[in-house]
Protein backbone atom coordinates (compact mmCIF):
# COMPACT_ATOMS: atom_id res chain seq x y z
CA MET A 1 -15.39 -10.45 -10.45
CA HIS A 2 -12.37 -12.29 -11.80
CA ASP A 3 -14.39 -15.51 -11.88
CA TRP A 4 -17.14 -13.83 -13.96
CA LEU A 5 -14.59 -12.55 -16.46
CA ASP A 6 -13.22 -16.05 -16.83
CA ARG A 7 -16.69 -17.44 -17.30
CA LEU A 8 -17.67 -14.83 -19.86
CA SER A 9 -14.56 -15.60 -21.86
CA ASP A 10 -15.59 -19.28 -22.06
CA GLU A 11 -17.55 -19.88 -25.27
CA ARG A 12 -19.56 -22.80 -23.86
CA PHE A 13 -20.69 -20.71 -20.88
CA ARG A 14 -21.73 -17.83 -23.16
CA THR A 15 -23.61 -20.27 -25.39
CA ARG A 16 -25.52 -21.72 -22.41
CA ILE A 17 -26.36 -18.25 -21.09
CA GLY A 18 -27.38 -17.13 -24.58
CA ARG A 19 -29.72 -20.10 -25.02
CA ARG A 20 -31.33 -19.53 -21.63
CA PHE A 21 -31.81 -15.84 -22.35
CA GLU A 22 -33.21 -16.59 -25.79
CA ALA A 23 -35.67 -19.12 -24.33
CA LEU A 24 -36.77 -16.62 -21.69
CA THR A 25 -37.31 -13.81 -24.18
CA ASP A 26 -39.08 -16.17 -26.58
CA GLU A 27 -41.53 -17.24 -23.89
CA ALA A 28 -42.08 -13.66 -22.73
CA PHE A 29 -42.73 -12.57 -26.32
CA ASN A 30 -45.20 -15.41 -26.86
CA VAL A 31 -47.15 -14.50 -23.71
CA LEU A 32 -47.10 -10.83 -24.71
CA ARG A 33 -48.28 -11.64 -28.24
CA TRP A 34 -51.10 -13.85 -26.96
CA THR A 35 -52.04 -11.17 -24.43
CA LEU A 36 -52.24 -8.51 -27.12
CA VAL A 37 -54.44 -10.69 -29.32
CA VAL A 38 -56.75 -11.52 -26.40
CA GLY A 39 -56.73 -7.85 -25.38
CA PHE A 40 -57.77 -6.75 -28.84
CA ALA A 41 -60.59 -9.30 -28.82
CA ARG A 42 -61.64 -8.04 -25.37
CA TYR A 43 -61.59 -4.47 -26.62
CA LEU A 44 -63.81 -5.40 -29.57
CA SER A 45 -66.22 -7.29 -27.33
CA VAL A 46 -66.51 -4.30 -24.98
CA GLU A 47 -66.94 -1.72 -27.71
CA THR A 48 -69.27 -3.57 -30.09
CA ALA A 49 -71.40 -5.53 -27.61
CA SER A 50 -71.61 -8.34 -30.15
CA TRP A 51 -71.84 -11.93 -28.98
CA TRP A 52 -69.46 -12.91 -31.81
CA PHE A 53 -66.68 -10.85 -30.32
CA ASP A 54 -67.54 -12.18 -26.87
CA ALA A 55 -67.20 -15.72 -28.22
CA ILE A 56 -63.91 -14.88 -29.93
CA TYR A 57 -62.65 -13.32 -26.70
CA TRP A 58 -63.52 -16.38 -24.62
CA VAL A 59 -62.03 -18.80 -27.15
CA LEU A 60 -58.81 -16.79 -27.30
CA SER A 61 -58.75 -16.58 -23.50
CA ALA A 62 -59.05 -20.36 -23.32
CA LEU A 63 -56.18 -20.68 -25.79
CA LEU A 64 -54.08 -18.30 -23.68
CA PHE A 65 -54.88 -20.39 -20.62
CA GLY A 66 -53.88 -23.51 -22.57
CA TYR A 67 -50.58 -21.91 -23.53
CA LEU A 68 -49.84 -20.93 -19.93
CA ALA A 69 -50.89 -24.40 -18.77
CA SER A 70 -48.49 -25.95 -21.24
CA ARG A 71 -45.70 -23.88 -19.71
CA PHE A 72 -46.51 -24.81 -16.11
CA LEU A 73 -48.06 -28.27 -16.37
CA LEU A 74 -47.15 -30.12 -19.53
CA ARG A 75 -43.51 -29.13 -19.90
CA PRO A 76 -41.00 -29.66 -17.11
CA GLU A 77 -42.65 -28.35 -13.99
CA VAL A 78 -41.32 -25.69 -11.67
CA PRO A 79 -39.46 -27.87 -9.16
CA ILE A 80 -40.67 -27.89 -5.56
CA PHE A 81 -38.89 -31.01 -4.31
CA ALA A 82 -35.37 -32.14 -5.13
CA ALA A 83 -36.61 -35.70 -5.64
CA ARG A 84 -40.17 -36.64 -6.49
CA ASP A 85 -39.77 -40.23 -5.45
CA ARG A 86 -43.08 -40.48 -3.60
CA ARG A 87 -46.61 -40.25 -4.91
CA TRP A 88 -47.61 -37.45 -2.54
CA LYS A 89 -44.64 -35.36 -3.69
CA ARG A 90 -45.68 -35.74 -7.33
CA ILE A 91 -49.26 -34.77 -6.46
CA VAL A 92 -48.14 -31.72 -4.48
CA GLN A 93 -45.77 -30.79 -7.30
CA THR A 94 -48.58 -30.93 -9.86
CA LEU A 95 -51.01 -29.02 -7.63
CA VAL A 96 -48.47 -26.25 -6.95
CA ASN A 97 -47.76 -25.92 -10.67
CA TYR A 98 -51.49 -25.84 -11.40
CA VAL A 99 -51.92 -23.04 -8.85
CA LEU A 100 -49.00 -21.17 -10.45
CA CYS A 101 -50.67 -21.56 -13.81
CA MET A 102 -53.98 -20.23 -12.49
CA ILE A 103 -52.26 -17.29 -10.78
CA ALA A 104 -50.34 -16.42 -13.95
CA PHE A 105 -53.54 -16.61 -16.01
CA MET A 106 -55.51 -14.48 -13.54
CA VAL A 107 -52.77 -11.86 -13.39
CA VAL A 108 -52.57 -11.70 -17.18
CA MET A 109 -56.36 -11.45 -17.53
CA TRP A 110 -56.62 -8.84 -14.75
CA ALA A 111 -53.90 -6.71 -16.35
CA LEU A 112 -55.53 -7.18 -19.74
CA ASN A 113 -58.94 -6.02 -18.50
CA ARG A 114 -57.36 -3.01 -16.80
CA LEU A 115 -55.48 -2.11 -19.98
CA VAL A 116 -58.53 -2.52 -22.23
CA GLY A 117 -60.68 -0.53 -19.82
CA ALA A 118 -58.14 2.29 -19.73
CA ILE A 119 -57.83 2.35 -23.52
CA ALA A 120 -61.59 2.29 -24.03
CA GLU A 121 -62.14 5.02 -21.44
CA TYR A 122 -59.43 7.17 -22.96
CA ARG A 123 -60.79 6.65 -26.46
CA PHE A 124 -64.55 6.62 -25.90
CA GLY A 125 -65.34 7.60 -22.34
CA PRO A 126 -66.40 5.37 -19.42
CA VAL A 127 -66.84 1.66 -20.13
CA ALA A 128 -69.53 -0.47 -18.53
CA GLY A 129 -68.30 -3.70 -16.95
């Protein structure tokens, strides 16, 4: 406890923690914002049965996937190995991060479909699909 009080009184430590927290909340907000936009497009595609809204939904979903891929694949990857000095380690590292990206995307899309379905059912009755 005493160590934490000393750390919290250090301005450099607080600045580092503040930057990390800000980066985390910024990323969470971006994912939430993208999810809401994709969710609204999904809602419109379900309610209007127009191929235009279906196309907009799929394009926005692809952009959401691209954003999540940029977080897990193009920026510094989630580390699996301490040193990626061998080719097989780099390949495994990339594959694991790709799987993480796909899982994150599927979870977001699943939650989004559940949310849109619940909203549409609450607002208009049962939704097909």
